[in-house]
Structures are given as structure tokens and as C-alpha cells.
N, C-alpha and C. Protein backbone atom coordinates (compact mmCIF):
# COMPACT_ATOMS: atom_id res chain seq x y z
N MET A 1 -2.79 -13.28 18.57
CA MET A 1 -1.95 -12.64 17.58
C MET A 1 -2.76 -12.30 16.30
N ILE A 2 -3.65 -13.13 15.89
CA ILE A 2 -4.41 -12.90 14.68
C ILE A 2 -5.32 -11.65 14.84
N PRO A 3 -5.97 -11.47 15.99
CA PRO A 3 -6.76 -10.23 16.16
C PRO A 3 -5.90 -8.98 16.05
N THR A 4 -4.69 -9.04 16.59
CA THR A 4 -3.78 -7.89 16.52
C THR A 4 -3.44 -7.57 15.08
N VAL A 5 -3.11 -8.60 14.30
CA VAL A 5 -2.79 -8.40 12.86
C VAL A 5 -3.99 -7.80 12.13
N LEU A 6 -5.17 -8.31 12.42
CA LEU A 6 -6.39 -7.80 11.75
C LEU A 6 -6.63 -6.34 12.13
N VAL A 7 -6.39 -5.97 13.38
CA VAL A 7 -6.58 -4.58 13.81
C VAL A 7 -5.54 -3.67 13.07
N ILE A 8 -4.32 -4.19 12.99
CA ILE A 8 -3.25 -3.40 12.29
C ILE A 8 -3.61 -3.19 10.83
N THR A 9 -4.13 -4.26 10.17
CA THR A 9 -4.50 -4.11 8.77
C THR A 9 -5.66 -3.14 8.60
N LEU A 10 -6.58 -3.19 9.58
CA LEU A 10 -7.73 -2.27 9.53
C LEU A 10 -7.31 -0.83 9.71
N VAL A 11 -6.33 -0.61 10.62
CA VAL A 11 -5.81 0.74 10.81
C VAL A 11 -5.06 1.25 9.58
N VAL A 12 -4.23 0.41 8.98
CA VAL A 12 -3.52 0.75 7.76
C VAL A 12 -4.49 1.07 6.64
N PHE A 13 -5.51 0.23 6.43
CA PHE A 13 -6.46 0.49 5.42
C PHE A 13 -7.22 1.77 5.68
N ALA A 14 -7.60 2.01 6.93
CA ALA A 14 -8.33 3.28 7.28
C ALA A 14 -7.44 4.49 6.97
N MET A 15 -6.15 4.40 7.26
CA MET A 15 -5.24 5.48 7.01
C MET A 15 -5.13 5.74 5.50
N MET A 16 -5.10 4.68 4.71
CA MET A 16 -5.02 4.84 3.26
C MET A 16 -6.30 5.46 2.74
N GLN A 17 -7.44 5.15 3.30
CA GLN A 17 -8.72 5.73 2.87
C GLN A 17 -8.83 7.18 3.27
N ALA A 18 -8.11 7.56 4.36
CA ALA A 18 -8.22 8.95 4.87
C ALA A 18 -7.31 9.88 4.14
N ILE A 19 -6.41 9.40 3.25
CA ILE A 19 -5.55 10.26 2.50
C ILE A 19 -6.39 11.19 1.61
N PRO A 20 -6.18 12.48 1.68
CA PRO A 20 -6.99 13.35 0.86
C PRO A 20 -6.68 13.17 -0.63
N GLY A 21 -7.70 13.46 -1.43
CA GLY A 21 -7.55 13.37 -2.88
C GLY A 21 -8.10 12.08 -3.40
N ASP A 22 -8.26 12.05 -4.74
CA ASP A 22 -8.80 10.89 -5.43
C ASP A 22 -7.68 10.21 -6.19
N PRO A 23 -7.41 8.94 -5.91
CA PRO A 23 -6.32 8.29 -6.62
C PRO A 23 -6.60 8.16 -8.12
N ILE A 24 -7.83 8.18 -8.56
CA ILE A 24 -8.17 8.16 -9.97
C ILE A 24 -7.72 9.43 -10.66
N ILE A 25 -7.90 10.56 -10.01
CA ILE A 25 -7.40 11.86 -10.57
C ILE A 25 -5.87 11.80 -10.72
N THR A 26 -5.21 11.19 -9.73
CA THR A 26 -3.79 11.08 -9.76
C THR A 26 -3.34 10.18 -10.92
N LEU A 27 -4.08 9.09 -11.12
CA LEU A 27 -3.75 8.20 -12.24
C LEU A 27 -3.94 8.84 -13.59
N LEU A 28 -5.04 9.53 -13.72
CA LEU A 28 -5.37 10.10 -15.07
C LEU A 28 -4.66 11.42 -15.34
N GLY A 29 -4.37 12.18 -14.28
CA GLY A 29 -3.68 13.42 -14.45
C GLY A 29 -4.46 14.42 -15.31
N ASP A 30 -3.78 15.00 -16.25
CA ASP A 30 -4.40 15.99 -17.15
C ASP A 30 -5.40 15.40 -18.11
N ALA A 31 -5.27 14.09 -18.33
CA ALA A 31 -6.17 13.39 -19.28
C ALA A 31 -7.46 12.98 -18.64
N TYR A 32 -7.88 13.60 -17.48
CA TYR A 32 -9.07 13.21 -16.73
C TYR A 32 -10.32 13.33 -17.59
N ASP A 33 -11.02 12.26 -17.66
CA ASP A 33 -12.33 12.20 -18.30
C ASP A 33 -13.25 11.41 -17.38
N GLU A 34 -14.47 11.88 -17.20
CA GLU A 34 -15.41 11.24 -16.25
C GLU A 34 -15.70 9.79 -16.60
N GLU A 35 -15.78 9.50 -17.89
CA GLU A 35 -16.05 8.07 -18.33
C GLU A 35 -14.85 7.24 -17.96
N ASP A 36 -13.66 7.73 -18.30
CA ASP A 36 -12.45 6.94 -17.94
C ASP A 36 -12.30 6.77 -16.44
N ALA A 37 -12.68 7.82 -15.74
CA ALA A 37 -12.59 7.77 -14.24
C ALA A 37 -13.54 6.71 -13.67
N GLU A 38 -14.76 6.67 -14.22
CA GLU A 38 -15.74 5.65 -13.71
C GLU A 38 -15.23 4.24 -14.08
N GLU A 39 -14.66 4.08 -15.26
CA GLU A 39 -14.16 2.78 -15.70
C GLU A 39 -12.99 2.35 -14.76
N LEU A 40 -12.10 3.25 -14.42
CA LEU A 40 -11.03 2.90 -13.49
C LEU A 40 -11.49 2.63 -12.12
N ARG A 41 -12.50 3.39 -11.64
CA ARG A 41 -13.05 3.12 -10.31
C ARG A 41 -13.63 1.69 -10.25
N LYS A 42 -14.30 1.30 -11.32
CA LYS A 42 -14.84 -0.06 -11.39
C LYS A 42 -13.69 -1.11 -11.44
N GLU A 43 -12.68 -0.82 -12.25
CA GLU A 43 -11.55 -1.77 -12.41
C GLU A 43 -10.82 -1.96 -11.05
N TYR A 44 -10.64 -0.84 -10.35
CA TYR A 44 -9.95 -0.93 -9.03
C TYR A 44 -10.88 -1.25 -7.88
N GLY A 45 -12.14 -1.35 -8.11
CA GLY A 45 -13.10 -1.69 -7.07
C GLY A 45 -13.44 -0.54 -6.13
N LEU A 46 -13.15 0.64 -6.55
CA LEU A 46 -13.40 1.84 -5.73
C LEU A 46 -14.92 2.25 -5.75
N ASP A 47 -15.65 1.55 -6.59
CA ASP A 47 -17.13 1.78 -6.62
C ASP A 47 -17.90 0.93 -5.60
N ARG A 48 -17.13 0.02 -4.95
CA ARG A 48 -17.76 -0.88 -4.00
C ARG A 48 -17.79 -0.20 -2.59
N PRO A 49 -18.58 -0.73 -1.65
CA PRO A 49 -18.56 -0.26 -0.30
C PRO A 49 -17.21 -0.40 0.36
N VAL A 50 -16.88 0.46 1.28
CA VAL A 50 -15.55 0.50 1.94
C VAL A 50 -15.28 -0.84 2.60
N TRP A 51 -16.28 -1.46 3.26
CA TRP A 51 -16.01 -2.73 3.95
C TRP A 51 -15.64 -3.79 2.96
N GLU A 52 -16.25 -3.79 1.75
CA GLU A 52 -15.95 -4.79 0.72
C GLU A 52 -14.55 -4.51 0.15
N GLN A 53 -14.22 -3.25 -0.03
CA GLN A 53 -12.85 -2.91 -0.49
C GLN A 53 -11.80 -3.42 0.52
N TYR A 54 -12.10 -3.32 1.80
CA TYR A 54 -11.14 -3.83 2.82
C TYR A 54 -10.94 -5.29 2.73
N PHE A 55 -11.98 -6.08 2.56
CA PHE A 55 -11.83 -7.53 2.49
C PHE A 55 -11.15 -7.97 1.22
N VAL A 56 -11.40 -7.26 0.10
CA VAL A 56 -10.73 -7.59 -1.14
C VAL A 56 -9.23 -7.25 -0.97
N TRP A 57 -8.94 -6.07 -0.41
CA TRP A 57 -7.55 -5.62 -0.19
C TRP A 57 -6.84 -6.62 0.76
N LEU A 58 -7.50 -7.08 1.82
CA LEU A 58 -6.92 -7.97 2.78
C LEU A 58 -6.60 -9.35 2.10
N GLY A 59 -7.54 -9.81 1.25
CA GLY A 59 -7.30 -11.06 0.56
C GLY A 59 -6.10 -10.98 -0.36
N LYS A 60 -6.01 -9.88 -1.15
CA LYS A 60 -4.86 -9.71 -2.01
C LYS A 60 -3.56 -9.55 -1.23
N LEU A 61 -3.64 -8.87 -0.12
CA LEU A 61 -2.44 -8.71 0.74
C LEU A 61 -1.95 -10.07 1.18
N MET A 62 -2.86 -10.98 1.60
CA MET A 62 -2.51 -12.30 2.10
C MET A 62 -1.91 -13.15 0.98
N ARG A 63 -2.33 -12.95 -0.28
CA ARG A 63 -1.83 -13.71 -1.39
C ARG A 63 -0.51 -13.11 -1.97
N GLY A 64 -0.10 -12.00 -1.44
CA GLY A 64 1.12 -11.35 -1.97
C GLY A 64 0.89 -10.49 -3.17
N ASP A 65 -0.37 -10.24 -3.50
CA ASP A 65 -0.72 -9.35 -4.61
C ASP A 65 -0.90 -7.94 -4.07
N TRP A 66 0.17 -7.19 -3.98
CA TRP A 66 0.15 -5.87 -3.37
C TRP A 66 -0.24 -4.79 -4.32
N GLY A 67 -0.48 -5.10 -5.57
CA GLY A 67 -0.92 -4.14 -6.57
C GLY A 67 0.24 -3.51 -7.29
N GLU A 68 -0.08 -2.49 -8.03
CA GLU A 68 0.87 -1.76 -8.89
C GLU A 68 1.04 -0.37 -8.44
N SER A 69 2.31 0.07 -8.38
CA SER A 69 2.62 1.43 -7.97
C SER A 69 2.16 2.45 -8.99
N ILE A 70 1.50 3.53 -8.50
CA ILE A 70 1.12 4.55 -9.44
C ILE A 70 2.36 5.33 -9.93
N LEU A 71 3.38 5.47 -9.10
CA LEU A 71 4.55 6.26 -9.43
C LEU A 71 5.49 5.50 -10.41
N SER A 72 5.80 4.26 -10.06
CA SER A 72 6.80 3.53 -10.85
C SER A 72 6.17 2.59 -11.86
N SER A 73 4.88 2.35 -11.80
CA SER A 73 4.18 1.41 -12.67
C SER A 73 4.68 -0.01 -12.59
N ARG A 74 5.33 -0.33 -11.47
CA ARG A 74 5.81 -1.69 -11.21
C ARG A 74 5.01 -2.30 -10.08
N GLU A 75 5.14 -3.61 -9.95
CA GLU A 75 4.51 -4.27 -8.76
C GLU A 75 5.09 -3.73 -7.48
N ILE A 76 4.25 -3.45 -6.48
CA ILE A 76 4.74 -2.92 -5.22
C ILE A 76 5.66 -3.87 -4.53
N LEU A 77 5.36 -5.17 -4.59
CA LEU A 77 6.23 -6.21 -3.98
C LEU A 77 7.63 -6.13 -4.61
N ALA A 78 7.72 -5.93 -5.91
CA ALA A 78 9.00 -5.82 -6.56
C ALA A 78 9.76 -4.60 -6.05
N ASP A 79 9.08 -3.46 -5.90
CA ASP A 79 9.70 -2.25 -5.38
C ASP A 79 10.19 -2.46 -3.96
N VAL A 80 9.38 -3.18 -3.14
CA VAL A 80 9.82 -3.48 -1.75
C VAL A 80 11.06 -4.32 -1.74
N LEU A 81 11.10 -5.38 -2.58
CA LEU A 81 12.19 -6.28 -2.63
C LEU A 81 13.48 -5.62 -3.14
N ILE A 82 13.35 -4.69 -4.04
CA ILE A 82 14.50 -3.93 -4.55
C ILE A 82 15.16 -3.11 -3.42
N ARG A 83 14.35 -2.59 -2.49
CA ARG A 83 14.89 -1.75 -1.41
C ARG A 83 15.16 -2.50 -0.14
N LEU A 84 14.89 -3.80 -0.13
CA LEU A 84 15.05 -4.60 1.10
C LEU A 84 16.53 -4.72 1.53
N PRO A 85 17.50 -4.94 0.66
CA PRO A 85 18.89 -5.02 1.13
C PRO A 85 19.37 -3.78 1.83
N VAL A 86 19.06 -2.59 1.31
CA VAL A 86 19.43 -1.34 1.95
C VAL A 86 18.74 -1.16 3.30
N THR A 87 17.54 -1.61 3.40
CA THR A 87 16.77 -1.51 4.64
C THR A 87 17.42 -2.39 5.70
N ILE A 88 17.75 -3.61 5.30
CA ILE A 88 18.39 -4.53 6.26
C ILE A 88 19.73 -3.98 6.70
N GLU A 89 20.49 -3.41 5.79
CA GLU A 89 21.79 -2.82 6.08
C GLU A 89 21.61 -1.69 7.17
N LEU A 90 20.64 -0.84 6.93
CA LEU A 90 20.38 0.23 7.90
C LEU A 90 19.98 -0.29 9.28
N ILE A 91 19.17 -1.33 9.27
CA ILE A 91 18.75 -1.98 10.53
C ILE A 91 19.91 -2.51 11.31
N VAL A 92 20.81 -3.24 10.58
CA VAL A 92 22.03 -3.84 11.24
C VAL A 92 22.93 -2.70 11.78
N LEU A 93 23.16 -1.68 10.97
CA LEU A 93 24.02 -0.62 11.43
C LEU A 93 23.39 0.14 12.65
N ALA A 94 22.10 0.32 12.64
CA ALA A 94 21.44 0.98 13.77
C ALA A 94 21.56 0.07 15.04
N MET A 95 21.44 -1.21 14.87
CA MET A 95 21.57 -2.13 16.01
C MET A 95 22.96 -2.05 16.58
N ILE A 96 23.94 -2.03 15.69
CA ILE A 96 25.36 -1.93 16.19
C ILE A 96 25.56 -0.66 16.94
N VAL A 97 25.11 0.47 16.40
CA VAL A 97 25.28 1.75 17.09
C VAL A 97 24.54 1.72 18.44
N ALA A 98 23.34 1.14 18.47
CA ALA A 98 22.61 1.06 19.71
C ALA A 98 23.31 0.20 20.77
N LEU A 99 23.88 -0.89 20.31
CA LEU A 99 24.61 -1.75 21.23
C LEU A 99 25.88 -1.08 21.74
N LEU A 100 26.59 -0.35 20.88
CA LEU A 100 27.77 0.37 21.33
C LEU A 100 27.44 1.44 22.33
N ILE A 101 26.35 2.15 22.11
CA ILE A 101 25.91 3.22 23.05
C ILE A 101 25.45 2.57 24.38
N ALA A 102 24.82 1.47 24.32
CA ALA A 102 24.23 0.78 25.51
C ALA A 102 25.36 0.23 26.39
N VAL A 103 26.47 -0.17 25.80
CA VAL A 103 27.56 -0.76 26.54
C VAL A 103 28.36 0.37 27.13
């Protein structure tokens, strides 16, 4: 089971790395300055090799430190927990519909 989880985390990380664009440009927007960009790359660890970024990301993921959302400026875990009740409600309703159709 552990190798499966590690492969899944590796695939998720690789997909995040494959997203086109630079997250630093997104963060800075119109106020983009090369010095500020380099400082943010260092702060977020984007100046490190990809394999090192993966292990840092994996360690933070295991500790529950999912980072801060660029869009809402809140902790990602807090955003997930806010939406969790609605997600569970949708899952339960979908299961009920699936059971009714199956019977």
C-alpha cells in the first residue's frame, strides 16, 4: 500500500509541475519584478532541484502543511475543510441514487 501511495503522490506532484506558466508570475501579477521573483522562488523552494522539491512537498503533505492558496490567501487545509460537508453530502446523495438505480 505504501508504494501505491508514493506513486500517487509522485504522479500528483508531476502533474502540478507540468502545469504551464510560472506560479511566481501569478503571485506577483502586474507588480512583477525580477528581484522579487527570485526572492519568492527562494522562499517557496522553487530554486531547488525538482527531486528535492518533491521530498519537501511530501514531508509537508504528511505533516498536514498543505500551504497557502494563491487565490484565497488562506491555508489550503482550511479551504478543504470548509468544503468538506458539501462534498460528503454530494457523495451520500450519489450513493443513494446509485443504489436506487441498481435495485
